[in-house]
PDB file of all heavy atoms in Angstrom:
ATOM      1  N   CYS A   1     142.897-138.537  48.251  1.00  0.00           N
ATOM      2  CA  CYS A   1     143.957-138.835  49.172  1.00  0.00           C
ATOM      3  C   CYS A   1     145.176-139.404  48.627  1.00  0.00           C
ATOM      4  O   CYS A   1     146.139-139.648  49.214  1.00  0.00           O
ATOM      5  CB  CYS A   1     143.467-139.722  50.339  1.00  0.00           C
ATOM      6  SG  CYS A   1     142.155-139.157  51.390  1.00  0.00           S
ATOM      7  N   THR A   2     145.126-139.644  47.297  1.00  0.00           N
ATOM      8  CA  THR A   2     146.235-140.369  46.525  1.00  0.00           C
ATOM      9  C   THR A   2     146.992-139.446  45.676  1.00  0.00           C
ATOM     10  O   THR A   2     146.744-138.191  45.679  1.00  0.00           O
ATOM     11  CB  THR A   2     145.684-141.539  45.755  1.00  0.00           C
ATOM     12  OG1 THR A   2     144.858-140.976  44.710  1.00  0.00           O
ATOM     13  CG2 THR A   2     144.871-142.535  46.649  1.00  0.00           C
ATOM     14  N   HIS A   3     147.891-140.037  44.882  1.00  0.00           N
ATOM     15  CA  HIS A   3     148.759-139.243  44.015  1.00  0.00           C
ATOM     16  C   HIS A   3     147.819-138.315  43.004  1.00  0.00           C
ATOM     17  O   HIS A   3     146.704-138.855  42.627  1.00  0.00           O
ATOM     18  CB  HIS A   3     149.641-140.119  43.163  1.00  0.00           C
ATOM     19  CG  HIS A   3     150.642-139.433  42.298  1.00  0.00           C
ATOM     20  ND1 HIS A   3     150.393-138.864  41.182  1.00  0.00           N
ATOM     21  CD2 HIS A   3     152.019-139.305  42.586  1.00  0.00           C
ATOM     22  CE1 HIS A   3     151.552-138.307  40.688  1.00  0.00           C
ATOM     23  NE2 HIS A   3     152.532-138.579  41.538  1.00  0.00           N
ATOM     24  N   VAL A   4     148.249-137.244  42.584  1.00  0.00           N
ATOM     25  CA  VAL A   4     147.417-136.327  41.879  1.00  0.00           C
ATOM     26  C   VAL A   4     147.007-136.978  40.447  1.00  0.00           C
ATOM     27  O   VAL A   4     146.021-136.664  39.906  1.00  0.00           O
ATOM     28  CB  VAL A   4     148.025-134.922  41.629  1.00  0.00           C
ATOM     29  CG1 VAL A   4     149.337-135.056  40.811  1.00  0.00           C
ATOM     30  CG2 VAL A   4     147.115-133.964  41.083  1.00  0.00           C
ATOM     31  N   ARG A   5     147.880-137.785  39.955  1.00  0.00           N
ATOM     32  CA  ARG A   5     147.572-138.454  38.675  1.00  0.00           C
ATOM     33  C   ARG A   5     147.213-139.993  38.823  1.00  0.00           C
ATOM     34  O   ARG A   5     147.450-140.804  38.019  1.00  0.00           O
ATOM     35  CB  ARG A   5     148.769-138.360  37.720  1.00  0.00           C
ATOM     36  CG  ARG A   5     148.923-136.906  37.262  1.00  0.00           C
ATOM     37  CD  ARG A   5     150.006-136.824  36.052  1.00  0.00           C
ATOM     38  NE  ARG A   5     151.310-137.048  36.575  1.00  0.00           N
ATOM     39  CZ  ARG A   5     152.077-136.092  37.210  1.00  0.00           C
ATOM     40  NH1 ARG A   5     151.599-134.895  37.362  1.00  0.00           N
ATOM     41  NH2 ARG A   5     153.305-136.416  37.547  1.00  0.00           N
ATOM     42  N   CYS A   6     146.643-140.326  39.954  1.00  0.00           N
ATOM     43  CA  CYS A   6     146.285-141.678  40.303  1.00  0.00           C
ATOM     44  C   CYS A   6     145.219-142.166  39.280  1.00  0.00           C
ATOM     45  O   CYS A   6     144.256-141.469  39.043  1.00  0.00           O
ATOM     46  CB  CYS A   6     145.576-141.732  41.731  1.00  0.00           C
ATOM     47  SG  CYS A   6     145.178-143.385  42.216  1.00  0.00           S
ATOM     48  N   LYS A   7     145.568-143.416  38.796  1.00  0.00           N
ATOM     49  CA  LYS A   7     144.614-143.971  37.811  1.00  0.00           C
ATOM     50  C   LYS A   7     143.669-144.884  38.577  1.00  0.00           C
ATOM     51  O   LYS A   7     143.962-145.284  39.724  1.00  0.00           O
ATOM     52  CB  LYS A   7     145.341-144.823  36.816  1.00  0.00           C
ATOM     53  CG  LYS A   7     146.358-143.969  35.875  1.00  0.00           C
ATOM     54  CD  LYS A   7     146.944-144.833  34.825  1.00  0.00           C
ATOM     55  CE  LYS A   7     147.942-144.001  34.005  1.00  0.00           C
ATOM     56  NZ  LYS A   7     147.478-142.804  33.395  1.00  0.00           N
ATOM     57  N   THR A   8     142.414-145.101  38.023  1.00  0.00           N
ATOM     58  CA  THR A   8     141.432-145.948  38.685  1.00  0.00           C
ATOM     59  C   THR A   8     141.055-147.057  37.762  1.00  0.00           C
ATOM     60  O   THR A   8     141.121-147.029  36.539  1.00  0.00           O
ATOM     61  CB  THR A   8     140.238-145.087  39.059  1.00  0.00           C
ATOM     62  OG1 THR A   8     139.618-144.565  37.971  1.00  0.00           O
ATOM     63  CG2 THR A   8     140.610-143.988  40.103  1.00  0.00           C
ATOM     64  N   LEU A   9     140.543-148.141  38.480  1.00  0.00           N
ATOM     65  CA  LEU A   9     139.920-149.171  37.651  1.00  0.00           C
ATOM     66  C   LEU A   9     138.689-149.789  38.553  1.00  0.00           C
ATOM     67  O   LEU A   9     138.770-149.810  39.764  1.00  0.00           O
ATOM     68  CB  LEU A   9     140.939-150.354  37.383  1.00  0.00           C
ATOM     69  CG  LEU A   9     141.419-151.206  38.440  1.00  0.00           C
ATOM     70  CD1 LEU A   9     140.693-152.407  38.692  1.00  0.00           C
ATOM     71  CD2 LEU A   9     142.833-151.676  37.930  1.00  0.00           C
ATOM     72  N   TRP A  10     137.639-150.138  37.757  1.00  0.00           N
ATOM     73  CA  TRP A  10     136.470-150.650  38.360  1.00  0.00           C
ATOM     74  C   TRP A  10     136.111-151.877  37.587  1.00  0.00           C
ATOM     75  O   TRP A  10     135.742-151.836  36.408  1.00  0.00           O
ATOM     76  CB  TRP A  10     135.333-149.556  38.369  1.00  0.00           C
ATOM     77  CG  TRP A  10     134.057-149.998  38.724  1.00  0.00           C
ATOM     78  CD1 TRP A  10     132.977-150.452  37.969  1.00  0.00           C
ATOM     79  CD2 TRP A  10     133.483-150.078  40.123  1.00  0.00           C
ATOM     80  NE1 TRP A  10     131.845-150.732  38.671  1.00  0.00           N
ATOM     81  CE2 TRP A  10     132.116-150.488  40.021  1.00  0.00           C
ATOM     82  CE3 TRP A  10     134.089-149.834  41.325  1.00  0.00           C
ATOM     83  CZ2 TRP A  10     131.348-150.685  41.156  1.00  0.00           C
ATOM     84  CZ3 TRP A  10     133.277-149.981  42.439  1.00  0.00           C
ATOM     85  CH2 TRP A  10     131.945-150.387  42.381  1.00  0.00           C
ATOM     86  N   LEU A  11     136.145-153.086  38.246  1.00  0.00           N
ATOM     87  CA  LEU A  11     135.766-154.279  37.565  1.00  0.00           C
ATOM     88  C   LEU A  11     134.682-154.940  38.365  1.00  0.00           C
ATOM     89  O   LEU A  11     134.877-155.525  39.418  1.00  0.00           O
ATOM     90  CB  LEU A  11     137.019-155.221  37.524  1.00  0.00           C
ATOM     91  CG  LEU A  11     138.307-154.706  36.693  1.00  0.00           C
ATOM     92  CD1 LEU A  11     139.468-155.610  37.017  1.00  0.00           C
ATOM     93  CD2 LEU A  11     137.851-154.816  35.209  1.00  0.00           C
ATOM     94  N   ALA A  12     133.451-154.761  37.784  1.00  0.00           N
ATOM     95  CA  ALA A  12     132.282-155.211  38.563  1.00  0.00           C
ATOM     96  C   ALA A  12     131.510-156.282  37.739  1.00  0.00           C
ATOM     97  O   ALA A  12     131.300-156.098  36.538  1.00  0.00           O
ATOM     98  CB  ALA A  12     131.364-154.055  38.825  1.00  0.00           C
ATOM     99  N   HIS A  13     131.121-157.324  38.379  1.00  0.00           N
ATOM    100  CA  HIS A  13     130.228-158.361  37.795  1.00  0.00           C
ATOM    101  C   HIS A  13     128.825-157.917  38.296  1.00  0.00           C
ATOM    102  O   HIS A  13     128.497-158.179  39.490  1.00  0.00           O
ATOM    103  CB  HIS A  13     130.599-159.821  38.290  1.00  0.00           C
ATOM    104  CG  HIS A  13     129.812-160.830  37.500  1.00  0.00           C
ATOM    105  ND1 HIS A  13     128.405-160.903  37.399  1.00  0.00           N
ATOM    106  CD2 HIS A  13     130.272-161.890  36.816  1.00  0.00           C
ATOM    107  CE1 HIS A  13     128.028-161.843  36.724  1.00  0.00           C
ATOM    108  NE2 HIS A  13     129.173-162.522  36.303  1.00  0.00           N
ATOM    109  N   TYR A  14     128.004-157.357  37.465  1.00  0.00           N
ATOM    110  CA  TYR A  14     126.626-156.976  37.829  1.00  0.00           C
ATOM    111  C   TYR A  14     125.750-158.142  37.689  1.00  0.00           C
ATOM    112  O   TYR A  14     125.964-159.119  37.056  1.00  0.00           O
ATOM    113  CB  TYR A  14     126.227-155.796  36.867  1.00  0.00           C
ATOM    114  CG  TYR A  14     126.970-154.577  36.974  1.00  0.00           C
ATOM    115  CD1 TYR A  14     128.014-154.305  36.097  1.00  0.00           C
ATOM    116  CD2 TYR A  14     126.736-153.687  37.977  1.00  0.00           C
ATOM    117  CE1 TYR A  14     128.811-153.151  36.189  1.00  0.00           C
ATOM    118  CE2 TYR A  14     127.423-152.494  38.110  1.00  0.00           C
ATOM    119  CZ  TYR A  14     128.500-152.309  37.268  1.00  0.00           C
ATOM    120  OH  TYR A  14     129.210-151.085  37.400  1.00  0.00           O
ATOM    121  N   ALA A  15     124.531-158.016  38.424  1.00  0.00           N
ATOM    122  CA  ALA A  15     123.540-159.031  38.408  1.00  0.00           C
ATOM    123  C   ALA A  15     124.026-160.390  38.746  1.00  0.00           C
ATOM    124  O   ALA A  15     123.775-161.428  38.118  1.00  0.00           O
ATOM    125  CB  ALA A  15     122.768-159.050  36.988  1.00  0.00           C
ATOM    126  N   ILE A  16     124.861-160.441  39.798  1.00  0.00           N
ATOM    127  CA  ILE A  16     125.545-161.662  40.127  1.00  0.00           C
ATOM    128  C   ILE A  16     124.635-162.888  40.592  1.00  0.00           C
ATOM    129  O   ILE A  16     124.965-164.012  40.265  1.00  0.00           O
ATOM    130  CB  ILE A  16     126.593-161.408  41.438  1.00  0.00           C
ATOM    131  CG1 ILE A  16     127.492-162.662  41.552  1.00  0.00           C
ATOM    132  CG2 ILE A  16     125.856-161.091  42.636  1.00  0.00           C
ATOM    133  CD1 ILE A  16     128.569-162.848  40.569  1.00  0.00           C
ATOM    134  N   ASP A  17     123.487-162.536  40.960  1.00  0.00           N
ATOM    135  CA  ASP A  17     122.537-163.640  41.314  1.00  0.00           C
ATOM    136  C   ASP A  17     121.946-164.271  40.130  1.00  0.00           C
ATOM    137  O   ASP A  17     121.516-165.484  40.246  1.00  0.00           O
ATOM    138  CB  ASP A  17     121.380-163.020  42.173  1.00  0.00           C
ATOM    139  CG  ASP A  17     121.904-162.387  43.501  1.00  0.00           C
ATOM    140  OD1 ASP A  17     122.690-162.976  44.073  1.00  0.00           O
ATOM    141  OD2 ASP A  17     121.337-161.305  43.858  1.00  0.00           O
ATOM    142  N   ALA A  18     122.083-163.665  38.963  1.00  0.00           N
ATOM    143  CA  ALA A  18     121.629-164.318  37.689  1.00  0.00           C
ATOM    144  C   ALA A  18     122.883-164.727  36.857  1.00  0.00           C
ATOM    145  O   ALA A  18     122.690-165.053  35.699  1.00  0.00           O
ATOM    146  CB  ALA A  18     120.801-163.319  36.900  1.00  0.00           C
ATOM    147  N   SER A  19     123.984-164.769  37.466  1.00  0.00           N
ATOM    148  CA  SER A  19     125.228-165.138  36.728  1.00  0.00           C
ATOM    149  C   SER A  19     125.175-166.598  36.370  1.00  0.00           C
ATOM    150  O   SER A  19     124.493-167.402  36.988  1.00  0.00           O
ATOM    151  CB  SER A  19     126.418-164.718  37.524  1.00  0.00           C
ATOM    152  OG  SER A  19     126.558-165.621  38.589  1.00  0.00           O
ATOM    153  N   THR A  20     126.088-166.914  35.330  1.00  0.00           N
ATOM    154  CA  THR A  20     126.220-168.312  34.964  1.00  0.00           C
ATOM    155  C   THR A  20     127.700-168.684  35.050  1.00  0.00           C
ATOM    156  O   THR A  20     128.467-167.781  35.312  1.00  0.00           O
ATOM    157  CB  THR A  20     125.832-168.506  33.469  1.00  0.00           C
ATOM    158  OG1 THR A  20     126.614-167.652  32.720  1.00  0.00           O
ATOM    159  CG2 THR A  20     124.323-167.999  33.273  1.00  0.00           C
ATOM    160  N   GLU A  21     127.996-169.874  34.908  1.00  0.00           N
ATOM    161  CA  GLU A  21     129.356-170.393  34.875  1.00  0.00           C
ATOM    162  C   GLU A  21     130.141-169.631  33.850  1.00  0.00           C
ATOM    163  O   GLU A  21     131.276-169.163  34.084  1.00  0.00           O
ATOM    164  CB  GLU A  21     129.479-171.885  34.678  1.00  0.00           C
ATOM    165  CG  GLU A  21     130.868-172.402  34.972  1.00  0.00           C
ATOM    166  CD  GLU A  21     130.861-173.951  34.917  1.00  0.00           C
ATOM    167  OE1 GLU A  21     129.918-174.508  35.425  1.00  0.00           O
ATOM    168  OE2 GLU A  21     131.849-174.417  34.342  1.00  0.00           O
ATOM    169  N   ALA A  22     129.494-169.412  32.759  1.00  0.00           N
ATOM    170  CA  ALA A  22     130.138-168.664  31.542  1.00  0.00           C
ATOM    171  C   ALA A  22     130.376-167.258  31.906  1.00  0.00           C
ATOM    172  O   ALA A  22     131.468-166.655  31.573  1.00  0.00           O
ATOM    173  CB  ALA A  22     129.315-168.882  30.286  1.00  0.00           C
ATOM    174  N   SER A  23     129.457-166.522  32.516  1.00  0.00           N
ATOM    175  CA  SER A  23     129.654-165.132  32.783  1.00  0.00           C
ATOM    176  C   SER A  23     130.707-164.952  33.836  1.00  0.00           C
ATOM    177  O   SER A  23     131.429-163.921  33.840  1.00  0.00           O
ATOM    178  CB  SER A  23     128.252-164.503  33.210  1.00  0.00           C
ATOM    179  OG  SER A  23     127.874-164.974  34.595  1.00  0.00           O
ATOM    180  N   ARG A  24     130.782-165.831  34.796  1.00  0.00           N
ATOM    181  CA  ARG A  24     131.777-165.758  35.903  1.00  0.00           C
ATOM    182  C   ARG A  24     133.175-165.950  35.242  1.00  0.00           C
ATOM    183  O   ARG A  24     134.166-165.276  35.572  1.00  0.00           O
ATOM    184  CB  ARG A  24     131.543-166.775  36.998  1.00  0.00           C
ATOM    185  CG  ARG A  24     130.290-166.295  37.840  1.00  0.00           C
ATOM    186  CD  ARG A  24     130.003-167.321  38.883  1.00  0.00           C
ATOM    187  NE  ARG A  24     128.755-166.826  39.643  1.00  0.00           N
ATOM    188  CZ  ARG A  24     128.668-166.948  40.934  1.00  0.00           C
ATOM    189  NH1 ARG A  24     129.612-167.431  41.649  1.00  0.00           N
ATOM    190  NH2 ARG A  24     127.560-166.567  41.527  1.00  0.00           N
ATOM    191  N   ALA A  25     133.301-167.034  34.359  1.00  0.00           N
ATOM    192  CA  ALA A  25     134.553-167.233  33.665  1.00  0.00           C
ATOM    193  C   ALA A  25     134.954-166.011  32.917  1.00  0.00           C
ATOM    194  O   ALA A  25     136.176-165.728  32.854  1.00  0.00           O
ATOM    195  CB  ALA A  25     134.451-168.562  32.864  1.00  0.00           C
ATOM    196  N   SER A  26     134.033-165.463  32.169  1.00  0.00           N
ATOM    197  CA  SER A  26     134.308-164.227  31.391  1.00  0.00           C
ATOM    198  C   SER A  26     134.811-163.096  32.232  1.00  0.00           C
ATOM    199  O   SER A  26     135.727-162.362  31.871  1.00  0.00           O
ATOM    200  CB  SER A  26     133.042-163.872  30.641  1.00  0.00           C
ATOM    201  OG  SER A  26     133.310-162.708  29.901  1.00  0.00           O
ATOM    202  N   HIS A  27     134.214-162.987  33.386  1.00  0.00           N
ATOM    203  CA  HIS A  27     134.605-161.929  34.303  1.00  0.00           C
ATOM    204  C   HIS A  27     136.008-162.064  34.858  1.00  0.00           C
ATOM    205  O   HIS A  27     136.808-161.237  34.925  1.00  0.00           O
ATOM    206  CB  HIS A  27     133.612-161.791  35.431  1.00  0.00           C
ATOM    207  CG  HIS A  27     133.814-160.593  36.307  1.00  0.00           C
ATOM    208  ND1 HIS A  27     133.779-159.249  35.799  1.00  0.00           N
ATOM    209  CD2 HIS A  27     134.218-160.415  37.588  1.00  0.00           C
ATOM    210  CE1 HIS A  27     134.019-158.464  36.827  1.00  0.00           C
ATOM    211  NE2 HIS A  27     134.385-159.121  37.881  1.00  0.00           N
ATOM    212  N   LEU A  28     136.374-163.388  35.197  1.00  0.00           N
ATOM    213  CA  LEU A  28     137.664-163.702  35.609  1.00  0.00           C
ATOM    214  C   LEU A  28     138.735-163.407  34.577  1.00  0.00           C
ATOM    215  O   LEU A  28     139.791-162.852  34.841  1.00  0.00           O
ATOM    216  CB  LEU A  28     137.759-165.146  36.126  1.00  0.00           C
ATOM    217  CG  LEU A  28     136.958-165.508  37.414  1.00  0.00           C
ATOM    218  CD1 LEU A  28     137.068-167.027  37.648  1.00  0.00           C
ATOM    219  CD2 LEU A  28     137.458-164.692  38.546  1.00  0.00           C
ATOM    220  N   ALA A  29     138.378-163.765  33.354  1.00  0.00           N
ATOM    221  CA  ALA A  29     139.244-163.468  32.242  1.00  0.00           C
ATOM    222  C   ALA A  29     139.499-161.953  32.107  1.00  0.00           C
ATOM    223  O   ALA A  29     140.570-161.526  31.706  1.00  0.00           O
ATOM    224  CB  ALA A  29     138.710-164.110  30.952  1.00  0.00           C
ATOM    225  N   LYS A  30     138.381-161.218  32.237  1.00  0.00           N
ATOM    226  CA  LYS A  30     138.414-159.722  32.100  1.00  0.00           C
ATOM    227  C   LYS A  30     139.372-159.172  33.230  1.00  0.00           C
ATOM    228  O   LYS A  30     140.132-158.239  32.954  1.00  0.00           O
ATOM    229  CB  LYS A  30     137.006-159.200  32.260  1.00  0.00           C
ATOM    230  CG  LYS A  30     136.941-157.659  32.132  1.00  0.00           C
ATOM    231  CD  LYS A  30     135.506-157.282  32.298  1.00  0.00           C
ATOM    232  CE  LYS A  30     135.430-155.698  32.507  1.00  0.00           C
ATOM    233  NZ  LYS A  30     133.922-155.284  32.638  1.00  0.00           N
ATOM    234  N   ILE A  31     139.273-159.748  34.479  1.00  0.00           N
ATOM    235  CA  ILE A  31     140.101-159.246  35.561  1.00  0.00           C
ATOM    236  C   ILE A  31     141.544-159.533  35.214  1.00  0.00           C
ATOM    237  O   ILE A  31     142.466-158.646  35.303  1.00  0.00           O
ATOM    238  CB  ILE A  31     139.723-159.891  36.778  1.00  0.00           C
ATOM    239  CG1 ILE A  31     138.354-159.411  37.326  1.00  0.00           C
ATOM    240  CG2 ILE A  31     140.771-159.765  37.899  1.00  0.00           C
ATOM    241  CD1 ILE A  31     137.815-160.242  38.487  1.00  0.00           C
ATOM    242  N   ALA A  32     141.919-160.750  34.704  1.00  0.00           N
ATOM    243  CA  ALA A  32     143.272-161.085  34.472  1.00  0.00           C
ATOM    244  C   ALA A  32     143.842-160.265  33.394  1.00  0.00           C
ATOM    245  O   ALA A  32     144.990-159.754  33.502  1.00  0.00           O
ATOM    246  CB  ALA A  32     143.306-162.568  33.982  1.00  0.00           C
ATOM    247  N   ALA A  33     143.038-159.982  32.348  1.00  0.00           N
ATOM    248  CA  ALA A  33     143.558-159.066  31.259  1.00  0.00           C
ATOM    249  C   ALA A  33     143.685-157.619  31.672  1.00  0.00           C
ATOM    250  O   ALA A  33     144.657-157.056  31.267  1.00  0.00           O
ATOM    251  CB  ALA A  33     142.468-159.160  30.087  1.00  0.00           C
ATOM    252  N   ARG A  34     142.795-157.140  32.561  1.00  0.00           N
ATOM    253  CA  ARG A  34     142.964-155.712  32.969  1.00  0.00           C
ATOM    254  C   ARG A  34     144.188-155.559  33.935  1.00  0.00           C
ATOM    255  O   ARG A  34     144.990-154.640  33.755  1.00  0.00           O
ATOM    256  CB  ARG A  34     141.745-155.333  33.627  1.00  0.00           C
ATOM    257  CG  ARG A  34     141.773-153.891  34.164  1.00  0.00           C
ATOM    258  CD  ARG A  34     141.943-152.827  33.020  1.00  0.00           C
ATOM    259  NE  ARG A  34     142.277-151.495  33.451  1.00  0.00           N
ATOM    260  CZ  ARG A  34     143.386-150.989  33.870  1.00  0.00           C
ATOM    261  NH1 ARG A  34     144.492-151.736  33.749  1.00  0.00           N
ATOM    262  NH2 ARG A  34     143.490-149.760  34.326  1.00  0.00           N
ATOM    263  N   ILE A  35     144.340-156.568  34.797  1.00  0.00           N
ATOM    264  CA  ILE A  35     145.500-156.482  35.709  1.00  0.00           C
ATOM    265  C   ILE A  35     146.845-156.647  34.940  1.00  0.00           C
ATOM    266  O   ILE A  35     147.807-155.949  35.286  1.00  0.00           O
ATOM    267  CB  ILE A  35     145.410-157.535  36.804  1.00  0.00           C
ATOM    268  CG1 ILE A  35     144.189-157.319  37.638  1.00  0.00           C
ATOM    269  CG2 ILE A  35     146.678-157.596  37.639  1.00  0.00           C
ATOM    270  CD1 ILE A  35     144.057-156.087  38.433  1.00  0.00           C
ATOM    271  N   ALA A  36     146.722-157.359  33.940  1.00  0.00           N
ATOM    272  CA  ALA A  36     148.046-157.531  33.107  1.00  0.00           C
ATOM    273  C   ALA A  36     148.423-156.236  32.420  1.00  0.00           C
ATOM    274  O   ALA A  36     149.564-156.057  31.965  1.00  0.00           O
ATOM    275  CB  ALA A  36     147.791-158.702  32.025  1.00  0.00           C
TER     276      ALA A  36
END
């Protein structure tokens, strides 16, 4: 339904129930870097 050359991004934190403070911080940093 979008532009023919629409780009996509998928940023998922898998196994969230087993996540740690470090894994969450790492995921937030990954989000910030990708959005940038």
